[in-house]
Amino acid sequence: MNVLRKSFVIGMTVIGMGAAALSAQAQETPKPRTHAYAATKFDGAQRMQARQQKLHDALKLTAQQESAWQTYLAATKREPRVGRAEHVAYKELTAPQRLEKSIAFSKARIERQEKHLAALNTFYSALTPDQQKIFDLAGGGDRPHGFRHRG
């Protein structure tokens, strides 16, 4: 009887292990991760326009300041990005050519920043001291670690 009991226990153990192995294999394969932001429709221009409208309302501009505001917006409007075709050609360039192109991009960026600074100085000088404080806070003056830095 002892042999029968041992055989029964061994048999049940083997069946239990087999069932566990089958259930482990029956699990679904995990779905590929998708980023939450990929499913949303993000419109940067719409977001920027809403931010500008919020700032405009907070500043409570006078009629004389309104023309300076419109000039500032026109000068700081983002230009459409260059197509990806340039990036494909970038791979075919030699190292010195890539560096020259990088320097040209940097110079163009500095020119845009200087244009932005001139427009900002013109608009900023038209604001009252209270409006300047509001503008400074809206431009990132309340961020402790600088623009786009986290932590």
C-alpha atoms as a PDB file:
ATOM      1  CA  MET A   1       0.000   0.000   0.000  1.00  0.00           C
ATOM      2  CA  ASN A   2       2.927   2.261   0.713  1.00  0.00           C
ATOM      3  CA  VAL A   3       4.181   1.891  -2.873  1.00  0.00           C
ATOM      4  CA  LEU A   4       0.741   2.779  -4.204  1.00  0.00           C
ATOM      5  CA  ARG A   5       0.611   5.906  -2.044  1.00  0.00           C
ATOM      6  CA  LYS A   6       4.086   7.040  -3.176  1.00  0.00           C
ATOM      7  CA  SER A   7       3.176   6.437  -6.813  1.00  0.00           C
ATOM      8  CA  PHE A   8      -0.016   8.420  -6.355  1.00  0.00           C
ATOM      9  CA  VAL A   9       1.831  11.374  -4.754  1.00  0.00           C
ATOM     10  CA  ILE A  10       4.503  11.357  -7.466  1.00  0.00           C
ATOM     11  CA  GLY A  11       1.860  11.175 -10.186  1.00  0.00           C
ATOM     12  CA  MET A  12      -0.100  14.094  -8.731  1.00  0.00           C
ATOM     13  CA  THR A  13       3.098  16.132  -8.406  1.00  0.00           C
ATOM     14  CA  VAL A  14       3.986  15.536 -12.063  1.00  0.00           C
ATOM     15  CA  ILE A  15       0.456  16.435 -13.178  1.00  0.00           C
ATOM     16  CA  GLY A  16       0.518  19.605 -11.041  1.00  0.00           C
ATOM     17  CA  MET A  17       3.872  20.701 -12.453  1.00  0.00           C
ATOM     18  CA  GLY A  18       2.688  20.018 -15.988  1.00  0.00           C
ATOM     19  CA  ALA A  19      -0.476  22.055 -15.452  1.00  0.00           C
ATOM     20  CA  ALA A  20       1.571  24.948 -14.053  1.00  0.00           C
ATOM     21  CA  ALA A  21       3.886  24.845 -17.072  1.00  0.00           C
ATOM     22  CA  LEU A  22       0.940  24.888 -19.481  1.00  0.00           C
ATOM     23  CA  SER A  23      -0.702  27.831 -17.743  1.00  0.00           C
ATOM     24  CA  ALA A  24       2.578  29.764 -17.847  1.00  0.00           C
ATOM     25  CA  GLN A  25       2.825  29.233 -21.608  1.00  0.00           C
ATOM     26  CA  ALA A  26      -0.795  30.230 -22.150  1.00  0.00           C
ATOM     27  CA  GLN A  27      -0.186  33.823 -21.044  1.00  0.00           C
ATOM     28  CA  GLU A  28      -0.745  36.454 -23.694  1.00  0.00           C
ATOM     29  CA  THR A  29       2.259  38.167 -25.159  1.00  0.00           C
ATOM     30  CA  PRO A  30       2.538  41.698 -23.822  1.00  0.00           C
ATOM     31  CA  LYS A  31       1.334  44.451 -26.130  1.00  0.00           C
ATOM     32  CA  PRO A  32       4.025  46.799 -27.376  1.00  0.00           C
ATOM     33  CA  ARG A  33       4.238  49.938 -25.315  1.00  0.00           C
ATOM     34  CA  THR A  34       2.864  53.051 -26.894  1.00  0.00           C
ATOM     35  CA  HIS A  35       3.522  56.476 -25.552  1.00  0.00           C
ATOM     36  CA  ALA A  36       0.505  58.266 -24.210  1.00  0.00           C
ATOM     37  CA  TYR A  37       1.414  61.442 -26.076  1.00  0.00           C
ATOM     38  CA  ALA A  38       1.534  59.590 -29.395  1.00  0.00           C
ATOM     39  CA  ALA A  39      -2.204  58.987 -29.222  1.00  0.00           C
ATOM     40  CA  THR A  40      -3.004  62.645 -28.587  1.00  0.00           C
ATOM     41  CA  LYS A  41      -3.120  65.259 -31.273  1.00  0.00           C
ATOM     42  CA  PHE A  42      -0.659  67.941 -30.178  1.00  0.00           C
ATOM     43  CA  ASP A  43      -0.865  71.268 -31.938  1.00  0.00           C
ATOM     44  CA  GLY A  44       2.040  73.439 -30.883  1.00  0.00           C
ATOM     45  CA  ALA A  45       0.733  76.501 -32.729  1.00  0.00           C
ATOM     46  CA  GLN A  46      -2.620  76.268 -30.979  1.00  0.00           C
ATOM     47  CA  ARG A  47      -0.919  75.884 -27.606  1.00  0.00           C
ATOM     48  CA  MET A  48       1.336  78.882 -28.290  1.00  0.00           C
ATOM     49  CA  GLN A  49      -1.639  80.990 -29.354  1.00  0.00           C
ATOM     50  CA  ALA A  50      -3.505  80.106 -26.144  1.00  0.00           C
ATOM     51  CA  ARG A  51      -0.420  80.980 -24.089  1.00  0.00           C
ATOM     52  CA  GLN A  52      -0.052  84.319 -25.896  1.00  0.00           C
ATOM     53  CA  GLN A  53      -3.733  85.112 -25.346  1.00  0.00           C
ATOM     54  CA  LYS A  54      -3.411  84.304 -21.641  1.00  0.00           C
ATOM     55  CA  LEU A  55      -0.370  86.588 -21.374  1.00  0.00           C
ATOM     56  CA  HIS A  56      -2.165  89.322 -23.336  1.00  0.00           C
ATOM     57  CA  ASP A  57      -5.107  89.169 -20.935  1.00  0.00           C
ATOM     58  CA  ALA A  58      -2.827  89.199 -17.874  1.00  0.00           C
ATOM     59  CA  LEU A  59      -0.889  92.234 -19.121  1.00  0.00           C
ATOM     60  CA  LYS A  60      -4.060  94.336 -19.676  1.00  0.00           C
ATOM     61  CA  LEU A  61      -2.470  96.276 -22.523  1.00  0.00           C
ATOM     62  CA  THR A  62      -3.538  99.795 -23.433  1.00  0.00           C
ATOM     63  CA  ALA A  63      -4.360 100.885 -26.984  1.00  0.00           C
ATOM     64  CA  GLN A  64      -0.856 102.349 -27.403  1.00  0.00           C
ATOM     65  CA  GLN A  65       0.762  99.115 -26.211  1.00  0.00           C
ATOM     66  CA  GLU A  66      -1.394  96.959 -28.485  1.00  0.00           C
ATOM     67  CA  SER A  67       0.569  97.918 -31.617  1.00  0.00           C
ATOM     68  CA  ALA A  68       3.844  97.063 -29.840  1.00  0.00           C
ATOM     69  CA  TRP A  69       2.314  93.703 -28.844  1.00  0.00           C
ATOM     70  CA  GLN A  70       1.331  92.911 -32.444  1.00  0.00           C
ATOM     71  CA  THR A  71       4.817  93.866 -33.661  1.00  0.00           C
ATOM     72  CA  TYR A  72       6.362  91.644 -30.988  1.00  0.00           C
ATOM     73  CA  LEU A  73       4.160  88.683 -31.986  1.00  0.00           C
ATOM     74  CA  ALA A  74       4.982  89.134 -35.671  1.00  0.00           C
ATOM     75  CA  ALA A  75       8.719  89.292 -34.970  1.00  0.00           C
ATOM     76  CA  THR A  76       8.751  86.246 -32.703  1.00  0.00           C
ATOM     77  CA  LYS A  77       6.511  84.008 -34.796  1.00  0.00           C
ATOM     78  CA  ARG A  78       8.169  80.668 -35.423  1.00  0.00           C
ATOM     79  CA  GLU A  79       9.167  79.825 -38.940  1.00  0.00           C
ATOM     80  CA  PRO A  80       8.131  76.438 -40.310  1.00  0.00           C
ATOM     81  CA  ARG A  81      10.757  73.751 -39.890  1.00  0.00           C
ATOM     82  CA  VAL A  82      12.923  72.727 -42.779  1.00  0.00           C
ATOM     83  CA  GLY A  83      12.053  69.353 -44.291  1.00  0.00           C
ATOM     84  CA  ARG A  84      13.816  66.142 -43.405  1.00  0.00           C
ATOM     85  CA  ALA A  85      15.456  65.995 -46.853  1.00  0.00           C
ATOM     86  CA  GLU A  86      18.375  68.043 -45.524  1.00  0.00           C
ATOM     87  CA  HIS A  87      18.964  65.473 -42.786  1.00  0.00           C
ATOM     88  CA  VAL A  88      19.278  62.688 -45.339  1.00  0.00           C
ATOM     89  CA  ALA A  89      21.855  64.694 -47.293  1.00  0.00           C
ATOM     90  CA  TYR A  90      23.627  65.454 -44.008  1.00  0.00           C
ATOM     91  CA  LYS A  91      24.670  61.813 -43.693  1.00  0.00           C
ATOM     92  CA  GLU A  92      26.433  61.947 -47.040  1.00  0.00           C
ATOM     93  CA  LEU A  93      28.638  64.915 -46.107  1.00  0.00           C
ATOM     94  CA  THR A  94      32.211  64.660 -44.936  1.00  0.00           C
ATOM     95  CA  ALA A  95      33.134  65.653 -41.378  1.00  0.00           C
ATOM     96  CA  PRO A  96      34.352  69.174 -42.324  1.00  0.00           C
ATOM     97  CA  GLN A  97      31.228  69.752 -44.441  1.00  0.00           C
ATOM     98  CA  ARG A  98      28.984  68.647 -41.571  1.00  0.00           C
ATOM     99  CA  LEU A  99      30.745  71.051 -39.214  1.00  0.00           C
ATOM    100  CA  GLU A 100      30.407  73.917 -41.723  1.00  0.00           C
ATOM    101  CA  LYS A 101      26.702  73.163 -42.049  1.00  0.00           C
ATOM    102  CA  SER A 102      26.351  73.027 -38.269  1.00  0.00           C
ATOM    103  CA  ILE A 103      28.033  76.426 -37.950  1.00  0.00           C
ATOM    104  CA  ALA A 104      25.693  77.838 -40.618  1.00  0.00           C
ATOM    105  CA  PHE A 105      22.685  76.532 -38.666  1.00  0.00           C
ATOM    106  CA  SER A 106      24.099  78.077 -35.485  1.00  0.00           C
ATOM    107  CA  LYS A 107      24.572  81.456 -37.186  1.00  0.00           C
ATOM    108  CA  ALA A 108      21.000  81.363 -38.500  1.00  0.00           C
ATOM    109  CA  ARG A 109      19.768  80.546 -35.001  1.00  0.00           C
ATOM    110  CA  ILE A 110      21.741  83.448 -33.517  1.00  0.00           C
ATOM    111  CA  GLU A 111      20.261  85.789 -36.145  1.00  0.00           C
ATOM    112  CA  ARG A 112      16.752  84.669 -35.153  1.00  0.00           C
ATOM    113  CA  GLN A 113      17.590  85.196 -31.480  1.00  0.00           C
ATOM    114  CA  GLU A 114      18.938  88.707 -32.158  1.00  0.00           C
ATOM    115  CA  LYS A 115      15.756  89.559 -34.079  1.00  0.00           C
ATOM    116  CA  HIS A 116      13.715  88.198 -31.173  1.00  0.00           C
ATOM    117  CA  LEU A 117      15.764  90.223 -28.675  1.00  0.00           C
ATOM    118  CA  ALA A 118      15.256  93.457 -30.630  1.00  0.00           C
ATOM    119  CA  ALA A 119      11.492  92.878 -30.745  1.00  0.00           C
ATOM    120  CA  LEU A 120      11.457  91.953 -27.057  1.00  0.00           C
ATOM    121  CA  ASN A 121      13.361  95.084 -26.038  1.00  0.00           C
ATOM    122  CA  THR A 122      10.988  97.280 -28.046  1.00  0.00           C
ATOM    123  CA  PHE A 123       7.897  95.683 -26.523  1.00  0.00           C
ATOM    124  CA  TYR A 124       9.373  95.516 -23.014  1.00  0.00           C
ATOM    125  CA  SER A 125      10.154  99.234 -23.023  1.00  0.00           C
ATOM    126  CA  ALA A 126       6.486  99.973 -23.825  1.00  0.00           C
ATOM    127  CA  LEU A 127       5.309  98.133 -20.693  1.00  0.00           C
ATOM    128  CA  THR A 128       4.781  99.628 -17.251  1.00  0.00           C
ATOM    129  CA  PRO A 129       6.885  98.242 -14.361  1.00  0.00           C
ATOM    130  CA  ASP A 130       3.939  96.147 -13.116  1.00  0.00           C
ATOM    131  CA  GLN A 131       3.382  94.727 -16.591  1.00  0.00           C
ATOM    132  CA  GLN A 132       7.100  93.986 -16.868  1.00  0.00           C
ATOM    133  CA  LYS A 133       6.915  91.889 -13.693  1.00  0.00           C
ATOM    134  CA  ILE A 134       3.974  89.913 -15.107  1.00  0.00           C
ATOM    135  CA  PHE A 135       5.818  89.447 -18.391  1.00  0.00           C
ATOM    136  CA  ASP A 136       8.971  88.291 -16.594  1.00  0.00           C
ATOM    137  CA  LEU A 137       7.053  85.658 -14.629  1.00  0.00           C
ATOM    138  CA  ALA A 138       5.240  84.424 -17.732  1.00  0.00           C
ATOM    139  CA  GLY A 139       8.540  84.112 -19.583  1.00  0.00           C
ATOM    140  CA  GLY A 140      10.002  81.650 -17.125  1.00  0.00           C
ATOM    141  CA  GLY A 141      11.274  83.949 -14.406  1.00  0.00           C
ATOM    142  CA  ASP A 142       9.634  81.747 -11.786  1.00  0.00           C
ATOM    143  CA  ARG A 143      11.464  78.599 -12.892  1.00  0.00           C
ATOM    144  CA  PRO A 144      14.361  77.967 -10.530  1.00  0.00           C
ATOM    145  CA  HIS A 145      16.653  75.968 -12.812  1.00  0.00           C
ATOM    146  CA  GLY A 146      16.316  77.703 -16.142  1.00  0.00           C
ATOM    147  CA  PHE A 147      14.491  76.971 -19.344  1.00  0.00           C
ATOM    148  CA  ARG A 148      13.588  73.332 -19.960  1.00  0.00           C
ATOM    149  CA  HIS A 149      15.651  72.052 -17.066  1.00  0.00           C
ATOM    150  CA  ARG A 150      13.902  69.714 -14.713  1.00  0.00           C
ATOM    151  CA  GLY A 151      14.800  69.101 -11.139  1.00  0.00           C
END
